[in-house]
Amino acid sequence: MFQKVTEKEMVALIVFMLEQNIDLQFGKISLCDLRNYRYGNVRRNRRYQVHSEDRQYPFSMIYDDPSIAVKKFLFLKQKSRKMH
């Protein structure tokens, strides 16, 4: 049987995925490392973007800390799931 994954474990897993150049998308919500793309106006240390095109929760922000970006992604994912 599977054990329930804690939020802390989920955040650590997703941060690891970002470090492996894996972007995430859930419906209209995405999380990516901007270093994988060529943007001249993005500082090197500000690299994690959370973007949502969901009508109920439109959002776009760039983060320095991957853990904070992942937590925001999971929050938006949870909100989106409740609405649909």
PDB file of N, CA and C in Angstrom:
ATOM      1  N   MET A   1       0.839  -1.187   0.000  1.00  0.00           N
ATOM      2  CA  MET A   1       0.000   0.000   0.000  1.00  0.00           C
ATOM      3  C   MET A   1       0.887   1.255   0.000  1.00  0.00           C
ATOM      4  N   PHE A   2       0.306   2.320  -0.480  1.00  0.00           N
ATOM      5  CA  PHE A   2       1.020   3.587  -0.530  1.00  0.00           C
ATOM      6  C   PHE A   2       0.796   4.375   0.753  1.00  0.00           C
ATOM      7  N   GLN A   3       1.836   5.066   1.181  1.00  0.00           N
ATOM      8  CA  GLN A   3       1.700   5.958   2.325  1.00  0.00           C
ATOM      9  C   GLN A   3       1.344   7.345   1.812  1.00  0.00           C
ATOM     10  N   LYS A   4       0.611   8.080   2.642  1.00  0.00           N
ATOM     11  CA  LYS A   4       0.278   9.454   2.277  1.00  0.00           C
ATOM     12  C   LYS A   4       1.547  10.304   2.361  1.00  0.00           C
ATOM     13  N   VAL A   5       1.767  11.104   1.341  1.00  0.00           N
ATOM     14  CA  VAL A   5       2.948  11.966   1.283  1.00  0.00           C
ATOM     15  C   VAL A   5       2.638  13.263   2.012  1.00  0.00           C
ATOM     16  N   THR A   6       3.546  13.695   2.878  1.00  0.00           N
ATOM     17  CA  THR A   6       3.348  14.957   3.589  1.00  0.00           C
ATOM     18  C   THR A   6       3.623  16.123   2.641  1.00  0.00           C
ATOM     19  N   GLU A   7       3.158  17.308   3.022  1.00  0.00           N
ATOM     20  CA  GLU A   7       3.401  18.492   2.192  1.00  0.00           C
ATOM     21  C   GLU A   7       4.900  18.761   2.077  1.00  0.00           C
ATOM     22  N   LYS A   8       5.621  18.585   3.180  1.00  0.00           N
ATOM     23  CA  LYS A   8       7.070  18.821   3.170  1.00  0.00           C
ATOM     24  C   LYS A   8       7.770  17.872   2.189  1.00  0.00           C
ATOM     25  N   GLU A   9       7.361  16.604   2.172  1.00  0.00           N
ATOM     26  CA  GLU A   9       7.937  15.634   1.240  1.00  0.00           C
ATOM     27  C   GLU A   9       7.579  15.979  -0.203  1.00  0.00           C
ATOM     28  N   MET A  10       6.346  16.421  -0.423  1.00  0.00           N
ATOM     29  CA  MET A  10       5.906  16.799  -1.769  1.00  0.00           C
ATOM     30  C   MET A  10       6.704  18.000  -2.274  1.00  0.00           C
ATOM     31  N   VAL A  11       6.901  18.999  -1.408  1.00  0.00           N
ATOM     32  CA  VAL A  11       7.682  20.181  -1.789  1.00  0.00           C
ATOM     33  C   VAL A  11       9.103  19.763  -2.152  1.00  0.00           C
ATOM     34  N   ALA A  12       9.717  18.909  -1.327  1.00  0.00           N
ATOM     35  CA  ALA A  12      11.089  18.453  -1.598  1.00  0.00           C
ATOM     36  C   ALA A  12      11.167  17.698  -2.925  1.00  0.00           C
ATOM     37  N   LEU A  13      10.180  16.868  -3.213  1.00  0.00           N
ATOM     38  CA  LEU A  13      10.157  16.111  -4.467  1.00  0.00           C
ATOM     39  C   LEU A  13      10.041  17.040  -5.675  1.00  0.00           C
ATOM     40  N   ILE A  14       9.161  18.027  -5.589  1.00  0.00           N
ATOM     41  CA  ILE A  14       8.973  18.947  -6.716  1.00  0.00           C
ATOM     42  C   ILE A  14      10.198  19.838  -6.902  1.00  0.00           C
ATOM     43  N   VAL A  15      10.829  20.275  -5.799  1.00  0.00           N
ATOM     44  CA  VAL A  15      12.070  21.055  -5.910  1.00  0.00           C
ATOM     45  C   VAL A  15      13.134  20.216  -6.618  1.00  0.00           C
ATOM     46  N   PHE A  16      13.227  18.941  -6.264  1.00  0.00           N
ATOM     47  CA  PHE A  16      14.172  18.038  -6.936  1.00  0.00           C
ATOM     48  C   PHE A  16      13.860  17.951  -8.430  1.00  0.00           C
ATOM     49  N   MET A  17      12.588  17.849  -8.774  1.00  0.00           N
ATOM     50  CA  MET A  17      12.188  17.786 -10.182  1.00  0.00           C
ATOM     51  C   MET A  17      12.604  19.055 -10.924  1.00  0.00           C
ATOM     52  N   LEU A  18      12.423  20.213 -10.291  1.00  0.00           N
ATOM     53  CA  LEU A  18      12.836  21.474 -10.916  1.00  0.00           C
ATOM     54  C   LEU A  18      14.342  21.492 -11.150  1.00  0.00           C
ATOM     55  N   GLU A  19      15.105  20.966 -10.181  1.00  0.00           N
ATOM     56  CA  GLU A  19      16.561  20.909 -10.328  1.00  0.00           C
ATOM     57  C   GLU A  19      16.976  19.993 -11.477  1.00  0.00           C
ATOM     58  N   GLN A  20      16.111  19.051 -11.844  1.00  0.00           N
ATOM     59  CA  GLN A  20      16.374  18.132 -12.957  1.00  0.00           C
ATOM     60  C   GLN A  20      15.804  18.661 -14.277  1.00  0.00           C
ATOM     61  N   ASN A  21      15.441  19.941 -14.291  1.00  0.00           N
ATOM     62  CA  ASN A  21      14.905  20.619 -15.484  1.00  0.00           C
ATOM     63  C   ASN A  21      13.556  20.071 -15.926  1.00  0.00           C
ATOM     64  N   ILE A  22      12.734  19.662 -14.970  1.00  0.00           N
ATOM     65  CA  ILE A  22      11.389  19.181 -15.264  1.00  0.00           C
ATOM     66  C   ILE A  22      10.397  20.265 -14.859  1.00  0.00           C
ATOM     67  N   ASP A  23       9.641  20.779 -15.807  1.00  0.00           N
ATOM     68  CA  ASP A  23       8.599  21.765 -15.526  1.00  0.00           C
ATOM     69  C   ASP A  23       7.303  21.030 -15.212  1.00  0.00           C
ATOM     70  N   LEU A  24       6.434  21.672 -14.444  1.00  0.00           N
ATOM     71  CA  LEU A  24       5.165  21.060 -14.066  1.00  0.00           C
ATOM     72  C   LEU A  24       4.006  21.871 -14.603  1.00  0.00           C
ATOM     73  N   GLN A  25       2.953  21.169 -14.967  1.00  0.00           N
ATOM     74  CA  GLN A  25       1.728  21.829 -15.395  1.00  0.00           C
ATOM     75  C   GLN A  25       0.539  21.029 -14.901  1.00  0.00           C
ATOM     76  N   PHE A  26      -0.433  21.749 -14.355  1.00  0.00           N
ATOM     77  CA  PHE A  26      -1.689  21.152 -13.912  1.00  0.00           C
ATOM     78  C   PHE A  26      -2.799  22.033 -14.455  1.00  0.00           C
ATOM     79  N   GLY A  27      -3.495  21.554 -15.472  1.00  0.00           N
ATOM     80  CA  GLY A  27      -4.527  22.379 -16.095  1.00  0.00           C
ATOM     81  C   GLY A  27      -3.912  23.651 -16.642  1.00  0.00           C
ATOM     82  N   LYS A  28      -4.362  24.780 -16.138  1.00  0.00           N
ATOM     83  CA  LYS A  28      -3.867  26.079 -16.600  1.00  0.00           C
ATOM     84  C   LYS A  28      -2.851  26.680 -15.644  1.00  0.00           C
ATOM     85  N   ILE A  29      -2.277  25.857 -14.765  1.00  0.00           N
ATOM     86  CA  ILE A  29      -1.296  26.311 -13.780  1.00  0.00           C
ATOM     87  C   ILE A  29       0.046  25.665 -14.101  1.00  0.00           C
ATOM     88  N   SER A  30       1.102  26.477 -14.136  1.00  0.00           N
ATOM     89  CA  SER A  30       2.416  25.920 -14.450  1.00  0.00           C
ATOM     90  C   SER A  30       3.477  26.426 -13.481  1.00  0.00           C
ATOM     91  N   LEU A  31       4.524  25.630 -13.350  1.00  0.00           N
ATOM     92  CA  LEU A  31       5.687  25.954 -12.524  1.00  0.00           C
ATOM     93  C   LEU A  31       6.912  25.592 -13.347  1.00  0.00           C
ATOM     94  N   CYS A  32       7.805  26.564 -13.540  1.00  0.00           N
ATOM     95  CA  CYS A  32       8.993  26.274 -14.340  1.00  0.00           C
ATOM     96  C   CYS A  32      10.203  27.032 -13.807  1.00  0.00           C
ATOM     97  N   ASP A  33      11.371  26.526 -14.180  1.00  0.00           N
ATOM     98  CA  ASP A  33      12.646  27.173 -13.887  1.00  0.00           C
ATOM     99  C   ASP A  33      12.999  28.002 -15.120  1.00  0.00           C
ATOM    100  N   LEU A  34      13.015  29.306 -14.975  1.00  0.00           N
ATOM    101  CA  LEU A  34      13.241  30.191 -16.120  1.00  0.00           C
ATOM    102  C   LEU A  34      14.647  30.078 -16.696  1.00  0.00           C
ATOM    103  N   ARG A  35      15.557  29.461 -15.964  1.00  0.00           N
ATOM    104  CA  ARG A  35      16.902  29.266 -16.514  1.00  0.00           C
ATOM    105  C   ARG A  35      16.881  28.304 -17.697  1.00  0.00           C
ATOM    106  N   ASN A  36      15.798  27.528 -17.837  1.00  0.00           N
ATOM    107  CA  ASN A  36      15.669  26.613 -18.975  1.00  0.00           C
ATOM    108  C   ASN A  36      15.252  27.346 -20.244  1.00  0.00           C
ATOM    109  N   TYR A  37      14.940  28.618 -20.127  1.00  0.00           N
ATOM    110  CA  TYR A  37      14.481  29.431 -21.253  1.00  0.00           C
ATOM    111  C   TYR A  37      15.363  30.659 -21.354  1.00  0.00           C
ATOM    112  N   ARG A  38      15.380  31.292 -22.489  1.00  0.00           N
ATOM    113  CA  ARG A  38      16.223  32.480 -22.677  1.00  0.00           C
ATOM    114  C   ARG A  38      15.396  33.745 -22.506  1.00  0.00           C
ATOM    115  N   TYR A  39      15.540  34.358 -21.334  1.00  0.00           N
ATOM    116  CA  TYR A  39      14.900  35.640 -21.054  1.00  0.00           C
ATOM    117  C   TYR A  39      15.989  36.597 -20.602  1.00  0.00           C
ATOM    118  N   GLY A  40      16.210  37.655 -21.349  1.00  0.00           N
ATOM    119  CA  GLY A  40      17.251  38.602 -21.003  1.00  0.00           C
ATOM    120  C   GLY A  40      16.920  39.461 -19.798  1.00  0.00           C
ATOM    121  N   ASN A  41      15.645  39.604 -19.468  1.00  0.00           N
ATOM    122  CA  ASN A  41      15.261  40.511 -18.392  1.00  0.00           C
ATOM    123  C   ASN A  41      15.079  39.804 -17.047  1.00  0.00           C
ATOM    124  N   VAL A  42      15.424  38.531 -16.941  1.00  0.00           N
ATOM    125  CA  VAL A  42      15.269  37.800 -15.684  1.00  0.00           C
ATOM    126  C   VAL A  42      16.631  37.667 -15.027  1.00  0.00           C
ATOM    127  N   ARG A  43      16.719  38.103 -13.761  1.00  0.00           N
ATOM    128  CA  ARG A  43      17.970  37.965 -13.017  1.00  0.00           C
ATOM    129  C   ARG A  43      18.302  36.485 -12.845  1.00  0.00           C
ATOM    130  N   ARG A  44      19.566  36.171 -12.741  1.00  0.00           N
ATOM    131  CA  ARG A  44      19.992  34.782 -12.598  1.00  0.00           C
ATOM    132  C   ARG A  44      19.410  34.119 -11.354  1.00  0.00           C
ATOM    133  N   ASN A  45      19.321  34.841 -10.247  1.00  0.00           N
ATOM    134  CA  ASN A  45      18.851  34.213  -9.013  1.00  0.00           C
ATOM    135  C   ASN A  45      17.329  34.217  -8.878  1.00  0.00           C
ATOM    136  N   ARG A  46      16.628  34.936  -9.735  1.00  0.00           N
ATOM    137  CA  ARG A  46      15.156  34.895  -9.733  1.00  0.00           C
ATOM    138  C   ARG A  46      14.750  34.018 -10.884  1.00  0.00           C
ATOM    139  N   ARG A  47      14.393  32.795 -10.586  1.00  0.00           N
ATOM    140  CA  ARG A  47      14.244  31.879 -11.696  1.00  0.00           C
ATOM    141  C   ARG A  47      13.013  31.006 -11.700  1.00  0.00           C
ATOM    142  N   TYR A  48      12.232  30.964 -10.649  1.00  0.00           N
ATOM    143  CA  TYR A  48      11.092  30.050 -10.611  1.00  0.00           C
ATOM    144  C   TYR A  48       9.793  30.812 -10.830  1.00  0.00           C
ATOM    145  N   GLN A  49       9.083  30.468 -11.895  1.00  0.00           N
ATOM    146  CA  GLN A  49       7.840  31.157 -12.207  1.00  0.00           C
ATOM    147  C   GLN A  49       6.644  30.248 -11.964  1.00  0.00           C
ATOM    148  N   VAL A  50       5.664  30.798 -11.243  1.00  0.00           N
ATOM    149  CA  VAL A  50       4.362  30.158 -11.082  1.00  0.00           C
ATOM    150  C   VAL A  50       3.394  31.009 -11.885  1.00  0.00           C
ATOM    151  N   HIS A  51       2.658  30.366 -12.779  1.00  0.00           N
ATOM    152  CA  HIS A  51       1.738  31.100 -13.650  1.00  0.00           C
ATOM    153  C   HIS A  51       0.413  30.353 -13.725  1.00  0.00           C
ATOM    154  N   SER A  52      -0.679  31.090 -13.566  1.00  0.00           N
ATOM    155  CA  SER A  52      -2.012  30.496 -13.658  1.00  0.00           C
ATOM    156  C   SER A  52      -2.876  31.333 -14.589  1.00  0.00           C
ATOM    157  N   GLU A  53      -3.481  30.670 -15.554  1.00  0.00           N
ATOM    158  CA  GLU A  53      -4.432  31.328 -16.448  1.00  0.00           C
ATOM    159  C   GLU A  53      -5.861  30.956 -16.082  1.00  0.00           C
ATOM    160  N   ASP A  54      -6.045  30.380 -14.911  1.00  0.00           N
ATOM    161  CA  ASP A  54      -7.374  30.017 -14.416  1.00  0.00           C
ATOM    162  C   ASP A  54      -8.174  31.296 -14.183  1.00  0.00           C
ATOM    163  N   ARG A  55      -9.401  31.340 -14.648  1.00  0.00           N
ATOM    164  CA  ARG A  55     -10.226  32.554 -14.495  1.00  0.00           C
ATOM    165  C   ARG A  55     -10.491  32.897 -13.035  1.00  0.00           C
ATOM    166  N   GLN A  56     -10.674  31.888 -12.203  1.00  0.00           N
ATOM    167  CA  GLN A  56     -10.960  32.130 -10.787  1.00  0.00           C
ATOM    168  C   GLN A  56      -9.721  32.597 -10.017  1.00  0.00           C
ATOM    169  N   TYR A  57      -8.546  32.112 -10.414  1.00  0.00           N
ATOM    170  CA  TYR A  57      -7.305  32.427  -9.704  1.00  0.00           C
ATOM    171  C   TYR A  57      -6.192  32.809 -10.675  1.00  0.00           C
ATOM    172  N   PRO A  58      -6.330  33.941 -11.382  1.00  0.00           N
ATOM    173  CA  PRO A  58      -5.243  34.361 -12.269  1.00  0.00           C
ATOM    174  C   PRO A  58      -4.039  34.783 -11.426  1.00  0.00           C
ATOM    175  N   PHE A  59      -2.852  34.387 -11.845  1.00  0.00           N
ATOM    176  CA  PHE A  59      -1.668  34.657 -11.031  1.00  0.00           C
ATOM    177  C   PHE A  59      -0.424  34.485 -11.886  1.00  0.00           C
ATOM    178  N   SER A  60       0.591  35.306 -11.632  1.00  0.00           N
ATOM    179  CA  SER A  60       1.900  35.124 -12.245  1.00  0.00           C
ATOM    180  C   SER A  60       2.937  35.808 -11.367  1.00  0.00           C
ATOM    181  N   MET A  61       3.951  35.045 -10.948  1.00  0.00           N
ATOM    182  CA  MET A  61       4.977  35.598 -10.067  1.00  0.00           C
ATOM    183  C   MET A  61       6.270  34.819 -10.284  1.00  0.00           C
ATOM    184  N   ILE A  62       7.397  35.524 -10.129  1.00  0.00           N
ATOM    185  CA  ILE A  62       8.716  34.903 -10.216  1.00  0.00           C
ATOM    186  C   ILE A  62       9.311  34.888  -8.814  1.00  0.00           C
ATOM    187  N   TYR A  63       9.872  33.754  -8.434  1.00  0.00           N
ATOM    188  CA  TYR A  63      10.405  33.560  -7.083  1.00  0.00           C
ATOM    189  C   TYR A  63      11.890  33.225  -7.117  1.00  0.00           C
ATOM    190  N   ASP A  64      12.598  33.638  -6.063  1.00  0.00           N
ATOM    191  CA  ASP A  64      13.993  33.258  -5.861  1.00  0.00           C
ATOM    192  C   ASP A  64      14.077  31.865  -5.253  1.00  0.00           C
ATOM    193  N   ASP A  65      13.210  31.597  -4.302  1.00  0.00           N
ATOM    194  CA  ASP A  65      13.238  30.357  -3.517  1.00  0.00           C
ATOM    195  C   ASP A  65      12.318  29.311  -4.144  1.00  0.00           C
ATOM    196  N   PRO A  66      12.852  28.160  -4.539  1.00  0.00           N
ATOM    197  CA  PRO A  66      12.006  27.153  -5.167  1.00  0.00           C
ATOM    198  C   PRO A  66      10.932  26.603  -4.233  1.00  0.00           C
ATOM    199  N   SER A  67      11.215  26.524  -2.942  1.00  0.00           N
ATOM    200  CA  SER A  67      10.227  25.992  -1.992  1.00  0.00           C
ATOM    201  C   SER A  67       8.992  26.875  -1.923  1.00  0.00           C
ATOM    202  N   ILE A  68       9.188  28.176  -1.937  1.00  0.00           N
ATOM    203  CA  ILE A  68       8.056  29.103  -1.889  1.00  0.00           C
ATOM    204  C   ILE A  68       7.253  29.003  -3.185  1.00  0.00           C
ATOM    205  N   ALA A  69       7.946  28.890  -4.312  1.00  0.00           N
ATOM    206  CA  ALA A  69       7.258  28.745  -5.604  1.00  0.00           C
ATOM    207  C   ALA A  69       6.436  27.459  -5.636  1.00  0.00           C
ATOM    208  N   VAL A  70       7.002  26.377  -5.127  1.00  0.00           N
ATOM    209  CA  VAL A  70       6.287  25.097  -5.113  1.00  0.00           C
ATOM    210  C   VAL A  70       5.057  25.181  -4.222  1.00  0.00           C
ATOM    211  N   LYS A  71       5.192  25.810  -3.061  1.00  0.00           N
ATOM    212  CA  LYS A  71       4.041  25.942  -2.153  1.00  0.00           C
ATOM    213  C   LYS A  71       2.923  26.746  -2.805  1.00  0.00           C
ATOM    214  N   LYS A  72       3.268  27.801  -3.535  1.00  0.00           N
ATOM    215  CA  LYS A  72       2.255  28.596  -4.230  1.00  0.00           C
ATOM    216  C   LYS A  72       1.611  27.778  -5.342  1.00  0.00           C
ATOM    217  N   PHE A  73       2.406  27.007  -6.082  1.00  0.00           N
ATOM    218  CA  PHE A  73       1.881  26.132  -7.130  1.00  0.00           C
ATOM    219  C   PHE A  73       0.882  25.137  -6.540  1.00  0.00           C
ATOM    220  N   LEU A  74       1.247  24.500  -5.434  1.00  0.00           N
ATOM    221  CA  LEU A  74       0.359  23.523  -4.797  1.00  0.00           C
ATOM    222  C   LEU A  74      -0.913  24.184  -4.278  1.00  0.00           C
ATOM    223  N   PHE A  75      -0.792  25.408  -3.751  1.00  0.00           N
ATOM    224  CA  PHE A  75      -1.961  26.154  -3.273  1.00  0.00           C
ATOM    225  C   PHE A  75      -2.924  26.432  -4.426  1.00  0.00           C
ATOM    226  N   LEU A  76      -2.397  26.930  -5.546  1.00  0.00           N
ATOM    227  CA  LEU A  76      -3.241  27.225  -6.710  1.00  0.00           C
ATOM    228  C   LEU A  76      -3.844  25.948  -7.287  1.00  0.00           C
ATOM    229  N   LYS A  77      -3.068  24.879  -7.284  1.00  0.00           N
ATOM    230  CA  LYS A  77      -3.569  23.589  -7.770  1.00  0.00           C
ATOM    231  C   LYS A  77      -4.742  23.120  -6.917  1.00  0.00           C
ATOM    232  N   GLN A  78      -4.610  23.256  -5.606  1.00  0.00           N
ATOM    233  CA  GLN A  78      -5.687  22.853  -4.693  1.00  0.00           C
ATOM    234  C   GLN A  78      -6.927  23.714  -4.909  1.00  0.00           C
ATOM    235  N   LYS A  79      -6.747  25.021  -5.043  1.00  0.00           N
ATOM    236  CA  LYS A  79      -7.879  25.923  -5.278  1.00  0.00           C
ATOM    237  C   LYS A  79      -8.564  25.603  -6.603  1.00  0.00           C
ATOM    238  N   SER A  80      -7.781  25.353  -7.631  1.00  0.00           N
ATOM    239  CA  SER A  80      -8.334  25.037  -8.943  1.00  0.00           C
ATOM    240  C   SER A  80      -9.109  23.726  -8.906  1.00  0.00           C
ATOM    241  N   ARG A  81      -8.593  22.761  -8.198  1.00  0.00           N
ATOM    242  CA  ARG A  81      -9.242  21.448  -8.108  1.00  0.00           C
ATOM    243  C   ARG A  81     -10.595  21.561  -7.411  1.00  0.00           C
ATOM    244  N   LYS A  82     -10.699  22.420  -6.395  1.00  0.00           N
ATOM    245  CA  LYS A  82     -11.964  22.602  -5.669  1.00  0.00           C
ATOM    246  C   LYS A  82     -13.022  23.273  -6.534  1.00  0.00           C
ATOM    247  N   MET A  83     -12.574  24.129  -7.463  1.00  0.00           N
ATOM    248  CA  MET A  83     -13.523  24.877  -8.292  1.00  0.00           C
ATOM    249  C   MET A  83     -14.058  24.033  -9.446  1.00  0.00           C
ATOM    250  N   HIS A  84     -13.325  22.989  -9.853  1.00  0.00           N
ATOM    251  CA  HIS A  84     -13.720  22.214 -11.040  1.00  0.00           C
ATOM    252  C   HIS A  84     -14.263  20.882 -10.676  1.00  0.00           C
TER     253      HIS A  84
END
